[in-house]
Amino acid sequence: MELTHDQIKSIAEELEIGMRVFVNLETKNIKSLPDFDNNIYSDEELWEDDIKEIEEDMDNYLQFDPMSSHESYSMMEEFAGKVEDEALGNKLFQA
């Protein structure tokens, strides 16, 4: 499946704010839902139609879940270790 740059950016932005993202494999339509398990303030009733649509056709959706803070930190740490400019790499590690 190929997605546009804008679609990939949209998915990344949704994941960044803690949403779960579902991409329909046939239509490439993107739907985002709050992570109800980790956000007690999210009201599932507001998302009822999207939840139903996804659950009824789950085999046709690719699901993306937000990274844990540990996973995010590990990814940033790995990136900082690959930066060729040593001074920049050090600044990234300090941040």
N, C-alpha and C. Protein backbone atom coordinates (compact mmCIF):
# COMPACT_ATOMS: atom_id res chain seq x y z
N MET A 1 0.84 -1.17 0.00
CA MET A 1 0.00 0.00 0.00
C MET A 1 0.89 1.24 0.00
N GLU A 2 0.57 2.16 -0.88
CA GLU A 2 1.32 3.41 -0.94
C GLU A 2 0.44 4.54 -0.45
N LEU A 3 1.01 5.36 0.42
CA LEU A 3 0.32 6.53 0.95
C LEU A 3 1.05 7.78 0.49
N THR A 4 0.32 8.86 0.40
CA THR A 4 0.94 10.12 0.02
C THR A 4 1.73 10.69 1.20
N HIS A 5 2.57 11.64 0.90
CA HIS A 5 3.33 12.32 1.95
C HIS A 5 2.37 12.96 2.96
N ASP A 6 1.30 13.57 2.46
CA ASP A 6 0.32 14.21 3.35
C ASP A 6 -0.39 13.19 4.24
N GLN A 7 -0.68 12.01 3.70
CA GLN A 7 -1.32 10.98 4.51
C GLN A 7 -0.37 10.49 5.61
N ILE A 8 0.89 10.29 5.27
CA ILE A 8 1.87 9.85 6.26
C ILE A 8 2.05 10.92 7.33
N LYS A 9 2.10 12.17 6.92
CA LYS A 9 2.22 13.27 7.88
C LYS A 9 1.01 13.30 8.80
N SER A 10 -0.17 13.12 8.24
CA SER A 10 -1.40 13.12 9.04
C SER A 10 -1.38 11.99 10.06
N ILE A 11 -0.97 10.81 9.64
CA ILE A 11 -0.88 9.67 10.56
C ILE A 11 0.10 9.98 11.70
N ALA A 12 1.26 10.50 11.35
CA ALA A 12 2.27 10.83 12.36
C ALA A 12 1.76 11.87 13.35
N GLU A 13 1.07 12.88 12.86
CA GLU A 13 0.53 13.91 13.73
C GLU A 13 -0.52 13.35 14.68
N GLU A 14 -1.37 12.48 14.18
CA GLU A 14 -2.40 11.87 15.03
C GLU A 14 -1.75 10.98 16.10
N LEU A 15 -0.75 10.20 15.71
CA LEU A 15 -0.05 9.36 16.67
C LEU A 15 0.65 10.19 17.73
N GLU A 16 1.20 11.31 17.30
CA GLU A 16 1.92 12.19 18.22
C GLU A 16 1.04 12.73 19.34
N ILE A 17 -0.24 12.91 19.06
CA ILE A 17 -1.14 13.42 20.09
C ILE A 17 -1.88 12.28 20.82
N GLY A 18 -1.42 11.04 20.60
CA GLY A 18 -1.95 9.91 21.35
C GLY A 18 -3.14 9.20 20.76
N MET A 19 -3.45 9.49 19.50
CA MET A 19 -4.58 8.83 18.85
C MET A 19 -4.15 7.48 18.29
N ARG A 20 -5.11 6.58 18.13
CA ARG A 20 -4.91 5.34 17.40
C ARG A 20 -5.39 5.61 15.98
N VAL A 21 -4.63 5.16 14.99
CA VAL A 21 -4.94 5.47 13.60
C VAL A 21 -5.23 4.18 12.84
N PHE A 22 -6.27 4.23 12.02
CA PHE A 22 -6.68 3.09 11.22
C PHE A 22 -6.71 3.54 9.76
N VAL A 23 -6.05 2.77 8.89
CA VAL A 23 -6.03 3.08 7.46
C VAL A 23 -6.73 1.94 6.74
N ASN A 24 -7.76 2.29 5.98
CA ASN A 24 -8.47 1.31 5.19
C ASN A 24 -7.56 0.88 4.04
N LEU A 25 -7.30 -0.42 3.96
CA LEU A 25 -6.37 -0.94 2.96
C LEU A 25 -6.87 -0.78 1.53
N GLU A 26 -8.18 -0.73 1.35
CA GLU A 26 -8.73 -0.60 0.01
C GLU A 26 -8.86 0.87 -0.42
N THR A 27 -9.44 1.68 0.45
CA THR A 27 -9.73 3.08 0.09
C THR A 27 -8.62 4.04 0.51
N LYS A 28 -7.74 3.59 1.39
CA LYS A 28 -6.68 4.43 1.99
C LYS A 28 -7.26 5.55 2.85
N ASN A 29 -8.53 5.43 3.21
CA ASN A 29 -9.17 6.39 4.10
C ASN A 29 -8.59 6.23 5.51
N ILE A 30 -8.33 7.34 6.16
CA ILE A 30 -7.71 7.34 7.49
C ILE A 30 -8.75 7.75 8.52
N LYS A 31 -8.83 6.94 9.58
CA LYS A 31 -9.70 7.27 10.71
C LYS A 31 -8.86 7.23 11.97
N SER A 32 -9.08 8.20 12.84
CA SER A 32 -8.34 8.26 14.10
C SER A 32 -9.33 8.16 15.26
N LEU A 33 -8.90 7.44 16.28
CA LEU A 33 -9.71 7.29 17.49
C LEU A 33 -8.82 7.53 18.70
N PRO A 34 -9.39 8.08 19.76
CA PRO A 34 -8.61 8.21 20.99
C PRO A 34 -8.24 6.82 21.53
N ASP A 35 -7.19 6.76 22.29
CA ASP A 35 -6.82 5.52 22.97
C ASP A 35 -7.64 5.46 24.25
N PHE A 36 -8.81 4.86 24.17
CA PHE A 36 -9.75 4.88 25.28
C PHE A 36 -9.20 4.20 26.53
N ASP A 37 -8.31 3.23 26.35
CA ASP A 37 -7.72 2.54 27.50
C ASP A 37 -6.80 3.44 28.31
N ASN A 38 -6.17 4.39 27.65
CA ASN A 38 -5.20 5.26 28.32
C ASN A 38 -5.66 6.69 28.48
N ASN A 39 -6.90 6.98 28.14
CA ASN A 39 -7.41 8.34 28.27
C ASN A 39 -8.82 8.27 28.87
N ILE A 40 -8.89 8.44 30.16
CA ILE A 40 -10.18 8.29 30.86
C ILE A 40 -11.16 9.40 30.51
N TYR A 41 -10.69 10.46 29.89
CA TYR A 41 -11.57 11.58 29.55
C TYR A 41 -12.20 11.44 28.16
N SER A 42 -11.79 10.44 27.41
CA SER A 42 -12.36 10.24 26.08
C SER A 42 -13.73 9.57 26.20
N ASP A 43 -14.69 10.11 25.49
CA ASP A 43 -16.05 9.59 25.53
C ASP A 43 -16.29 8.74 24.28
N GLU A 44 -16.40 7.44 24.48
CA GLU A 44 -16.57 6.53 23.33
C GLU A 44 -17.84 6.83 22.54
N GLU A 45 -18.85 7.37 23.19
CA GLU A 45 -20.10 7.68 22.48
C GLU A 45 -19.89 8.65 21.34
N LEU A 46 -18.96 9.59 21.51
CA LEU A 46 -18.69 10.57 20.47
C LEU A 46 -18.08 9.94 19.22
N TRP A 47 -17.48 8.79 19.39
CA TRP A 47 -16.76 8.12 18.31
C TRP A 47 -17.48 6.84 17.86
N GLU A 48 -18.70 6.65 18.32
CA GLU A 48 -19.45 5.42 18.11
C GLU A 48 -19.52 4.98 16.64
N ASP A 49 -19.81 5.89 15.73
CA ASP A 49 -19.94 5.53 14.31
C ASP A 49 -18.62 5.03 13.74
N ASP A 50 -17.52 5.73 14.05
CA ASP A 50 -16.21 5.32 13.54
C ASP A 50 -15.79 3.97 14.14
N ILE A 51 -16.05 3.79 15.43
CA ILE A 51 -15.71 2.52 16.08
C ILE A 51 -16.45 1.38 15.41
N LYS A 52 -17.74 1.56 15.20
CA LYS A 52 -18.56 0.52 14.57
C LYS A 52 -18.06 0.19 13.16
N GLU A 53 -17.78 1.23 12.38
CA GLU A 53 -17.30 1.03 11.01
C GLU A 53 -16.01 0.23 10.99
N ILE A 54 -15.09 0.57 11.87
CA ILE A 54 -13.79 -0.11 11.92
C ILE A 54 -13.96 -1.55 12.41
N GLU A 55 -14.72 -1.73 13.48
CA GLU A 55 -14.90 -3.08 14.04
C GLU A 55 -15.59 -4.02 13.05
N GLU A 56 -16.53 -3.50 12.27
CA GLU A 56 -17.25 -4.35 11.32
C GLU A 56 -16.39 -4.77 10.14
N ASP A 57 -15.30 -4.07 9.90
CA ASP A 57 -14.46 -4.35 8.73
C ASP A 57 -12.97 -4.37 9.12
N MET A 58 -12.68 -4.85 10.33
CA MET A 58 -11.33 -4.77 10.88
C MET A 58 -10.26 -5.42 9.98
N ASP A 59 -10.63 -6.46 9.23
CA ASP A 59 -9.66 -7.12 8.36
C ASP A 59 -9.16 -6.21 7.24
N ASN A 60 -9.89 -5.16 6.94
CA ASN A 60 -9.50 -4.23 5.88
C ASN A 60 -8.82 -2.98 6.41
N TYR A 61 -8.45 -2.99 7.68
CA TYR A 61 -7.78 -1.82 8.27
C TYR A 61 -6.41 -2.19 8.79
N LEU A 62 -5.49 -1.30 8.59
CA LEU A 62 -4.16 -1.38 9.18
C LEU A 62 -4.17 -0.43 10.36
N GLN A 63 -3.79 -0.94 11.52
CA GLN A 63 -3.86 -0.14 12.75
C GLN A 63 -2.48 0.33 13.19
N PHE A 64 -2.41 1.60 13.55
CA PHE A 64 -1.20 2.20 14.12
C PHE A 64 -1.53 2.68 15.53
N ASP A 65 -0.71 2.30 16.49
CA ASP A 65 -0.89 2.74 17.86
C ASP A 65 0.25 3.69 18.24
N PRO A 66 -0.05 4.66 19.10
CA PRO A 66 1.02 5.58 19.51
C PRO A 66 2.12 4.83 20.27
N MET A 67 3.33 5.34 20.16
CA MET A 67 4.45 4.73 20.88
C MET A 67 4.37 5.10 22.36
N SER A 68 4.88 4.21 23.17
CA SER A 68 5.01 4.53 24.59
C SER A 68 6.11 5.57 24.74
N SER A 69 6.15 6.22 25.87
CA SER A 69 7.20 7.23 26.09
C SER A 69 8.59 6.57 26.04
N HIS A 70 8.68 5.34 26.51
CA HIS A 70 9.96 4.62 26.47
C HIS A 70 10.39 4.37 25.02
N GLU A 71 9.45 3.96 24.17
CA GLU A 71 9.76 3.72 22.76
C GLU A 71 10.18 5.01 22.07
N SER A 72 9.47 6.10 22.36
CA SER A 72 9.82 7.40 21.77
C SER A 72 11.22 7.83 22.17
N TYR A 73 11.52 7.68 23.45
CA TYR A 73 12.83 8.07 23.95
C TYR A 73 13.93 7.24 23.29
N SER A 74 13.70 5.94 23.19
CA SER A 74 14.69 5.06 22.56
C SER A 74 14.94 5.45 21.10
N MET A 75 13.88 5.82 20.40
CA MET A 75 14.02 6.22 19.00
C MET A 75 14.82 7.52 18.90
N MET A 76 14.53 8.48 19.76
CA MET A 76 15.27 9.75 19.74
C MET A 76 16.73 9.52 20.10
N GLU A 77 16.97 8.65 21.07
CA GLU A 77 18.33 8.34 21.48
C GLU A 77 19.12 7.68 20.33
N GLU A 78 18.46 6.76 19.64
CA GLU A 78 19.09 6.10 18.50
C GLU A 78 19.42 7.10 17.40
N PHE A 79 18.49 8.02 17.12
CA PHE A 79 18.72 9.04 16.11
C PHE A 79 19.90 9.93 16.49
N ALA A 80 19.93 10.37 17.74
CA ALA A 80 21.02 11.24 18.20
C ALA A 80 22.37 10.55 18.05
N GLY A 81 22.40 9.24 18.25
CA GLY A 81 23.64 8.49 18.12
C GLY A 81 24.12 8.35 16.68
N LYS A 82 23.23 8.58 15.73
CA LYS A 82 23.59 8.46 14.31
C LYS A 82 23.95 9.79 13.66
N VAL A 83 23.77 10.89 14.37
CA VAL A 83 24.08 12.20 13.82
C VAL A 83 25.60 12.32 13.67
N GLU A 84 26.03 12.68 12.48
CA GLU A 84 27.47 12.76 12.19
C GLU A 84 28.14 13.94 12.88
N ASP A 85 27.43 15.03 13.02
CA ASP A 85 27.98 16.22 13.67
C ASP A 85 28.00 15.96 15.18
N GLU A 86 29.20 15.77 15.74
CA GLU A 86 29.33 15.39 17.14
C GLU A 86 28.73 16.43 18.08
N ALA A 87 28.94 17.71 17.79
CA ALA A 87 28.39 18.76 18.66
C ALA A 87 26.86 18.71 18.66
N LEU A 88 26.27 18.53 17.49
CA LEU A 88 24.81 18.44 17.40
C LEU A 88 24.33 17.19 18.13
N GLY A 89 25.02 16.08 17.93
CA GLY A 89 24.66 14.83 18.61
C GLY A 89 24.68 14.99 20.12
N ASN A 90 25.69 15.68 20.64
CA ASN A 90 25.77 15.94 22.08
C ASN A 90 24.61 16.81 22.57
N LYS A 91 24.25 17.82 21.79
CA LYS A 91 23.12 18.67 22.16
C LYS A 91 21.82 17.88 22.19
N LEU A 92 21.67 16.99 21.22
CA LEU A 92 20.46 16.16 21.19
C LEU A 92 20.40 15.23 22.40
N PHE A 93 21.54 14.66 22.77
CA PHE A 93 21.56 13.79 23.95
C PHE A 93 21.25 14.58 25.22
N GLN A 94 21.74 15.81 25.31
CA GLN A 94 21.45 16.64 26.49
C GLN A 94 19.99 17.03 26.56
N ALA A 95 19.40 17.24 25.40
CA ALA A 95 17.98 17.62 25.37
C ALA A 95 17.14 16.45 25.82
